[in-house]
PDB file of N, CA and C in Angstrom:
ATOM      1  N   MET A   1       0.809  -1.196   0.000  1.00  0.00           N
ATOM      2  CA  MET A   1       0.000   0.000   0.000  1.00  0.00           C
ATOM      3  C   MET A   1       0.849   1.256   0.000  1.00  0.00           C
ATOM      4  N   ASP A   2       2.138   1.094  -0.029  1.00  0.00           N
ATOM      5  CA  ASP A   2       3.020   2.247   0.034  1.00  0.00           C
ATOM      6  C   ASP A   2       3.859   2.375  -1.235  1.00  0.00           C
ATOM      7  N   ALA A   3       3.449   1.715  -2.288  1.00  0.00           N
ATOM      8  CA  ALA A   3       4.234   1.694  -3.512  1.00  0.00           C
ATOM      9  C   ALA A   3       3.804   2.820  -4.452  1.00  0.00           C
ATOM     10  N   PRO A   4       4.735   3.320  -5.257  1.00  0.00           N
ATOM     11  CA  PRO A   4       4.341   4.311  -6.259  1.00  0.00           C
ATOM     12  C   PRO A   4       3.468   3.660  -7.323  1.00  0.00           C
ATOM     13  N   GLU A   5       2.588   4.429  -7.900  1.00  0.00           N
ATOM     14  CA  GLU A   5       1.667   3.965  -8.943  1.00  0.00           C
ATOM     15  C   GLU A   5       0.827   2.788  -8.463  1.00  0.00           C
ATOM     16  N   LEU A   6       0.341   2.873  -7.237  1.00  0.00           N
ATOM     17  CA  LEU A   6      -0.471   1.811  -6.656  1.00  0.00           C
ATOM     18  C   LEU A   6      -1.766   1.610  -7.425  1.00  0.00           C
ATOM     19  N   SER A   7      -2.277   2.663  -8.035  1.00  0.00           N
ATOM     20  CA  SER A   7      -3.548   2.548  -8.747  1.00  0.00           C
ATOM     21  C   SER A   7      -3.476   1.598  -9.930  1.00  0.00           C
ATOM     22  N   LYS A   8      -2.267   1.293 -10.424  1.00  0.00           N
ATOM     23  CA  LYS A   8      -2.139   0.364 -11.555  1.00  0.00           C
ATOM     24  C   LYS A   8      -2.425  -1.076 -11.156  1.00  0.00           C
ATOM     25  N   TYR A   9      -2.112  -1.461  -9.922  1.00  0.00           N
ATOM     26  CA  TYR A   9      -2.312  -2.851  -9.520  1.00  0.00           C
ATOM     27  C   TYR A   9      -3.110  -2.986  -8.231  1.00  0.00           C
ATOM     28  N   ILE A  10      -3.932  -1.991  -7.925  1.00  0.00           N
ATOM     29  CA  ILE A  10      -4.747  -2.044  -6.713  1.00  0.00           C
ATOM     30  C   ILE A  10      -5.735  -3.205  -6.760  1.00  0.00           C
ATOM     31  N   GLU A  11      -6.158  -3.627  -7.963  1.00  0.00           N
ATOM     32  CA  GLU A  11      -7.134  -4.709  -8.090  1.00  0.00           C
ATOM     33  C   GLU A  11      -6.586  -6.042  -7.598  1.00  0.00           C
ATOM     34  N   THR A  12      -5.270  -6.186  -7.530  1.00  0.00           N
ATOM     35  CA  THR A  12      -4.676  -7.454  -7.107  1.00  0.00           C
ATOM     36  C   THR A  12      -4.553  -7.572  -5.593  1.00  0.00           C
ATOM     37  N   LEU A  13      -4.811  -6.502  -4.866  1.00  0.00           N
ATOM     38  CA  LEU A  13      -4.696  -6.514  -3.405  1.00  0.00           C
ATOM     39  C   LEU A  13      -5.971  -7.067  -2.768  1.00  0.00           C
ATOM     40  N   PRO A  14      -5.916  -7.476  -1.499  1.00  0.00           N
ATOM     41  CA  PRO A  14      -7.124  -7.955  -0.808  1.00  0.00           C
ATOM     42  C   PRO A  14      -8.193  -6.868  -0.720  1.00  0.00           C
ATOM     43  N   ASN A  15      -9.433  -7.294  -0.538  1.00  0.00           N
ATOM     44  CA  ASN A  15     -10.565  -6.366  -0.549  1.00  0.00           C
ATOM     45  C   ASN A  15     -10.471  -5.295   0.529  1.00  0.00           C
ATOM     46  N   GLN A  16      -9.987  -5.640   1.720  1.00  0.00           N
ATOM     47  CA  GLN A  16      -9.906  -4.625   2.773  1.00  0.00           C
ATOM     48  C   GLN A  16      -8.896  -3.539   2.424  1.00  0.00           C
ATOM     49  N   CYS A  17      -7.855  -3.877   1.673  1.00  0.00           N
ATOM     50  CA  CYS A  17      -6.889  -2.868   1.237  1.00  0.00           C
ATOM     51  C   CYS A  17      -7.509  -1.952   0.190  1.00  0.00           C
ATOM     52  N   ILE A  18      -8.274  -2.533  -0.724  1.00  0.00           N
ATOM     53  CA  ILE A  18      -8.935  -1.738  -1.761  1.00  0.00           C
ATOM     54  C   ILE A  18      -9.942  -0.791  -1.128  1.00  0.00           C
ATOM     55  N   CYS A  19     -10.711  -1.297  -0.178  1.00  0.00           N
ATOM     56  CA  CYS A  19     -11.708  -0.466   0.501  1.00  0.00           C
ATOM     57  C   CYS A  19     -11.040   0.677   1.260  1.00  0.00           C
ATOM     58  N   ALA A  20      -9.969   0.386   1.967  1.00  0.00           N
ATOM     59  CA  ALA A  20      -9.255   1.433   2.711  1.00  0.00           C
ATOM     60  C   ALA A  20      -8.634   2.443   1.765  1.00  0.00           C
ATOM     61  N   TYR A  21      -8.108   1.975   0.639  1.00  0.00           N
ATOM     62  CA  TYR A  21      -7.491   2.882  -0.335  1.00  0.00           C
ATOM     63  C   TYR A  21      -8.535   3.799  -0.961  1.00  0.00           C
ATOM     64  N   ASN A  22      -9.689   3.243  -1.309  1.00  0.00           N
ATOM     65  CA  ASN A  22     -10.724   4.037  -1.972  1.00  0.00           C
ATOM     66  C   ASN A  22     -11.401   5.028  -1.035  1.00  0.00           C
ATOM     67  N   SER A  23     -11.486   4.715   0.248  1.00  0.00           N
ATOM     68  CA  SER A  23     -12.199   5.598   1.174  1.00  0.00           C
ATOM     69  C   SER A  23     -11.265   6.387   2.083  1.00  0.00           C
ATOM     70  N   ARG A  24     -10.000   6.488   1.739  1.00  0.00           N
ATOM     71  CA  ARG A  24      -9.040   7.133   2.636  1.00  0.00           C
ATOM     72  C   ARG A  24      -9.271   8.633   2.783  1.00  0.00           C
ATOM     73  N   HIS A  25      -9.947   9.266   1.847  1.00  0.00           N
ATOM     74  CA  HIS A  25     -10.176  10.712   1.940  1.00  0.00           C
ATOM     75  C   HIS A  25     -11.603  11.050   2.365  1.00  0.00           C
ATOM     76  N   ASP A  26     -12.382  10.051   2.791  1.00  0.00           N
ATOM     77  CA  ASP A  26     -13.768  10.308   3.191  1.00  0.00           C
ATOM     78  C   ASP A  26     -13.860  11.015   4.538  1.00  0.00           C
ATOM     79  N   SER A  27     -13.053  10.592   5.488  1.00  0.00           N
ATOM     80  CA  SER A  27     -13.079  11.204   6.818  1.00  0.00           C
ATOM     81  C   SER A  27     -11.732  10.981   7.488  1.00  0.00           C
ATOM     82  N   GLU A  28     -11.567  11.606   8.625  1.00  0.00           N
ATOM     83  CA  GLU A  28     -10.316  11.443   9.364  1.00  0.00           C
ATOM     84  C   GLU A  28     -10.164  10.014   9.876  1.00  0.00           C
ATOM     85  N   VAL A  29     -11.276   9.405  10.269  1.00  0.00           N
ATOM     86  CA  VAL A  29     -11.232   8.024  10.756  1.00  0.00           C
ATOM     87  C   VAL A  29     -10.786   7.078   9.647  1.00  0.00           C
ATOM     88  N   GLU A  30     -11.328   7.258   8.456  1.00  0.00           N
ATOM     89  CA  GLU A  30     -10.944   6.400   7.329  1.00  0.00           C
ATOM     90  C   GLU A  30      -9.481   6.612   6.949  1.00  0.00           C
ATOM     91  N   TYR A  31      -9.010   7.845   7.040  1.00  0.00           N
ATOM     92  CA  TYR A  31      -7.606   8.111   6.740  1.00  0.00           C
ATOM     93  C   TYR A  31      -6.693   7.450   7.775  1.00  0.00           C
ATOM     94  N   ARG A  32      -7.106   7.480   9.038  1.00  0.00           N
ATOM     95  CA  ARG A  32      -6.318   6.809  10.082  1.00  0.00           C
ATOM     96  C   ARG A  32      -6.284   5.304   9.857  1.00  0.00           C
ATOM     97  N   LYS A  33      -7.409   4.728   9.429  1.00  0.00           N
ATOM     98  CA  LYS A  33      -7.435   3.293   9.115  1.00  0.00           C
ATOM     99  C   LYS A  33      -6.476   2.982   7.976  1.00  0.00           C
ATOM    100  N   PHE A  34      -6.500   3.823   6.945  1.00  0.00           N
ATOM    101  CA  PHE A  34      -5.607   3.621   5.806  1.00  0.00           C
ATOM    102  C   PHE A  34      -4.148   3.699   6.240  1.00  0.00           C
ATOM    103  N   LYS A  35      -3.805   4.702   7.048  1.00  0.00           N
ATOM    104  CA  LYS A  35      -2.417   4.845   7.493  1.00  0.00           C
ATOM    105  C   LYS A  35      -2.000   3.688   8.399  1.00  0.00           C
ATOM    106  N   MET A  36      -2.921   3.158   9.200  1.00  0.00           N
ATOM    107  CA  MET A  36      -2.606   2.007  10.043  1.00  0.00           C
ATOM    108  C   MET A  36      -2.321   0.779   9.181  1.00  0.00           C
ATOM    109  N   LEU A  37      -3.134   0.549   8.156  1.00  0.00           N
ATOM    110  CA  LEU A  37      -2.880  -0.567   7.247  1.00  0.00           C
ATOM    111  C   LEU A  37      -1.579  -0.366   6.482  1.00  0.00           C
ATOM    112  N   GLN A  38      -1.283   0.865   6.122  1.00  0.00           N
ATOM    113  CA  GLN A  38      -0.040   1.161   5.418  1.00  0.00           C
ATOM    114  C   GLN A  38       1.163   0.866   6.320  1.00  0.00           C
ATOM    115  N   LEU A  39       1.077   1.239   7.580  1.00  0.00           N
ATOM    116  CA  LEU A  39       2.153   0.963   8.529  1.00  0.00           C
ATOM    117  C   LEU A  39       2.310  -0.539   8.762  1.00  0.00           C
ATOM    118  N   GLU A  40       1.188  -1.236   8.874  1.00  0.00           N
ATOM    119  CA  GLU A  40       1.238  -2.685   9.055  1.00  0.00           C
ATOM    120  C   GLU A  40       1.870  -3.364   7.841  1.00  0.00           C
ATOM    121  N   ALA A  41       1.529  -2.907   6.649  1.00  0.00           N
ATOM    122  CA  ALA A  41       2.118  -3.472   5.433  1.00  0.00           C
ATOM    123  C   ALA A  41       3.618  -3.212   5.386  1.00  0.00           C
ATOM    124  N   PHE A  42       4.039  -2.033   5.830  1.00  0.00           N
ATOM    125  CA  PHE A  42       5.464  -1.718   5.853  1.00  0.00           C
ATOM    126  C   PHE A  42       6.217  -2.652   6.793  1.00  0.00           C
ATOM    127  N   PHE A  43       5.685  -2.834   8.014  1.00  0.00           N
ATOM    128  CA  PHE A  43       6.364  -3.705   8.975  1.00  0.00           C
ATOM    129  C   PHE A  43       6.381  -5.149   8.503  1.00  0.00           C
ATOM    130  N   PHE A  44       5.295  -5.609   7.885  1.00  0.00           N
ATOM    131  CA  PHE A  44       5.285  -6.970   7.368  1.00  0.00           C
ATOM    132  C   PHE A  44       6.300  -7.121   6.245  1.00  0.00           C
ATOM    133  N   GLY A  45       6.429  -6.115   5.397  1.00  0.00           N
ATOM    134  CA  GLY A  45       7.422  -6.162   4.324  1.00  0.00           C
ATOM    135  C   GLY A  45       8.831  -6.202   4.866  1.00  0.00           C
ATOM    136  N   GLN A  46       9.108  -5.419   5.902  1.00  0.00           N
ATOM    137  CA  GLN A  46      10.427  -5.443   6.521  1.00  0.00           C
ATOM    138  C   GLN A  46      10.714  -6.801   7.148  1.00  0.00           C
ATOM    139  N   PHE A  47       9.714  -7.349   7.841  1.00  0.00           N
ATOM    140  CA  PHE A  47       9.890  -8.643   8.485  1.00  0.00           C
ATOM    141  C   PHE A  47      10.132  -9.740   7.459  1.00  0.00           C
ATOM    142  N   SER A  48       9.324  -9.766   6.404  1.00  0.00           N
ATOM    143  CA  SER A  48       9.476 -10.837   5.418  1.00  0.00           C
ATOM    144  C   SER A  48      10.799 -10.717   4.675  1.00  0.00           C
ATOM    145  N   GLU A  49      11.255  -9.506   4.410  1.00  0.00           N
ATOM    146  CA  GLU A  49      12.536  -9.332   3.730  1.00  0.00           C
ATOM    147  C   GLU A  49      13.686  -9.799   4.622  1.00  0.00           C
ATOM    148  N   ARG A  50      13.639  -9.452   5.881  1.00  0.00           N
ATOM    149  CA  ARG A  50      14.699  -9.896   6.797  1.00  0.00           C
ATOM    150  C   ARG A  50      14.647 -11.395   7.023  1.00  0.00           C
ATOM    151  N   PHE A  51      13.445 -11.951   7.099  1.00  0.00           N
ATOM    152  CA  PHE A  51      13.313 -13.394   7.242  1.00  0.00           C
ATOM    153  C   PHE A  51      13.906 -14.100   6.035  1.00  0.00           C
ATOM    154  N   LYS A  52      13.605 -13.589   4.855  1.00  0.00           N
ATOM    155  CA  LYS A  52      14.145 -14.194   3.637  1.00  0.00           C
ATOM    156  C   LYS A  52      15.662 -14.067   3.608  1.00  0.00           C
ATOM    157  N   ARG A  53      16.159 -12.918   3.993  1.00  0.00           N
ATOM    158  CA  ARG A  53      17.594 -12.676   3.923  1.00  0.00           C
ATOM    159  C   ARG A  53      18.373 -13.522   4.925  1.00  0.00           C
ATOM    160  N   PHE A  54      17.881 -13.666   6.144  1.00  0.00           N
ATOM    161  CA  PHE A  54      18.658 -14.320   7.191  1.00  0.00           C
ATOM    162  C   PHE A  54      18.278 -15.774   7.444  1.00  0.00           C
ATOM    163  N   GLU A  55      17.092 -16.204   7.050  1.00  0.00           N
ATOM    164  CA  GLU A  55      16.678 -17.567   7.346  1.00  0.00           C
ATOM    165  C   GLU A  55      16.617 -18.456   6.112  1.00  0.00           C
ATOM    166  N   ILE A  56      16.250 -17.915   4.989  1.00  0.00           N
ATOM    167  CA  ILE A  56      16.061 -18.737   3.796  1.00  0.00           C
ATOM    168  C   ILE A  56      17.313 -18.766   2.939  1.00  0.00           C
ATOM    169  N   ASP A  57      17.958 -17.630   2.743  1.00  0.00           N
ATOM    170  CA  ASP A  57      19.176 -17.597   1.938  1.00  0.00           C
ATOM    171  C   ASP A  57      20.274 -18.388   2.641  1.00  0.00           C
ATOM    172  N   PRO A  58      21.056 -19.145   1.880  1.00  0.00           N
ATOM    173  CA  PRO A  58      22.135 -19.912   2.525  1.00  0.00           C
ATOM    174  C   PRO A  58      23.196 -18.981   3.117  1.00  0.00           C
ATOM    175  N   HIS A  59      23.677 -19.325   4.281  1.00  0.00           N
ATOM    176  CA  HIS A  59      24.715 -18.543   4.934  1.00  0.00           C
ATOM    177  C   HIS A  59      25.522 -19.471   5.835  1.00  0.00           C
ATOM    178  N   ASN A  60      26.696 -19.038   6.174  1.00  0.00           N
ATOM    179  CA  ASN A  60      27.513 -19.806   7.114  1.00  0.00           C
ATOM    180  C   ASN A  60      28.072 -18.864   8.170  1.00  0.00           C
ATOM    181  N   PHE A  61      28.455 -19.432   9.270  1.00  0.00           N
ATOM    182  CA  PHE A  61      28.947 -18.646  10.390  1.00  0.00           C
ATOM    183  C   PHE A  61      30.414 -18.949  10.677  1.00  0.00           C
ATOM    184  N   GLU A  62      31.139 -19.363   9.665  1.00  0.00           N
ATOM    185  CA  GLU A  62      32.539 -19.731   9.851  1.00  0.00           C
ATOM    186  C   GLU A  62      33.417 -18.525  10.176  1.00  0.00           C
ATOM    187  N   GLY A  63      33.154 -17.377   9.556  1.00  0.00           N
ATOM    188  CA  GLY A  63      34.018 -16.220   9.718  1.00  0.00           C
ATOM    189  C   GLY A  63      33.696 -15.351  10.907  1.00  0.00           C
ATOM    190  N   THR A  64      32.699 -15.692  11.692  1.00  0.00           N
ATOM    191  CA  THR A  64      32.317 -14.817  12.795  1.00  0.00           C
ATOM    192  C   THR A  64      32.991 -15.161  14.081  1.00  0.00           C
TER     193      THR A  64
END
């Protein structure tokens, strides 16, 4: 939800993301919901990237 040109592939996201994206300017409450989902997506992206980097990619601890 934090990517540039999100409107090009918004249809591929889950329904709650589409709903939050479409109604983000309706009220302050809806904007807060959108920003909360955006923050959650950011943290999940950081977690999954670090998990992939440190747990899935092969590594060794010989030099440490």
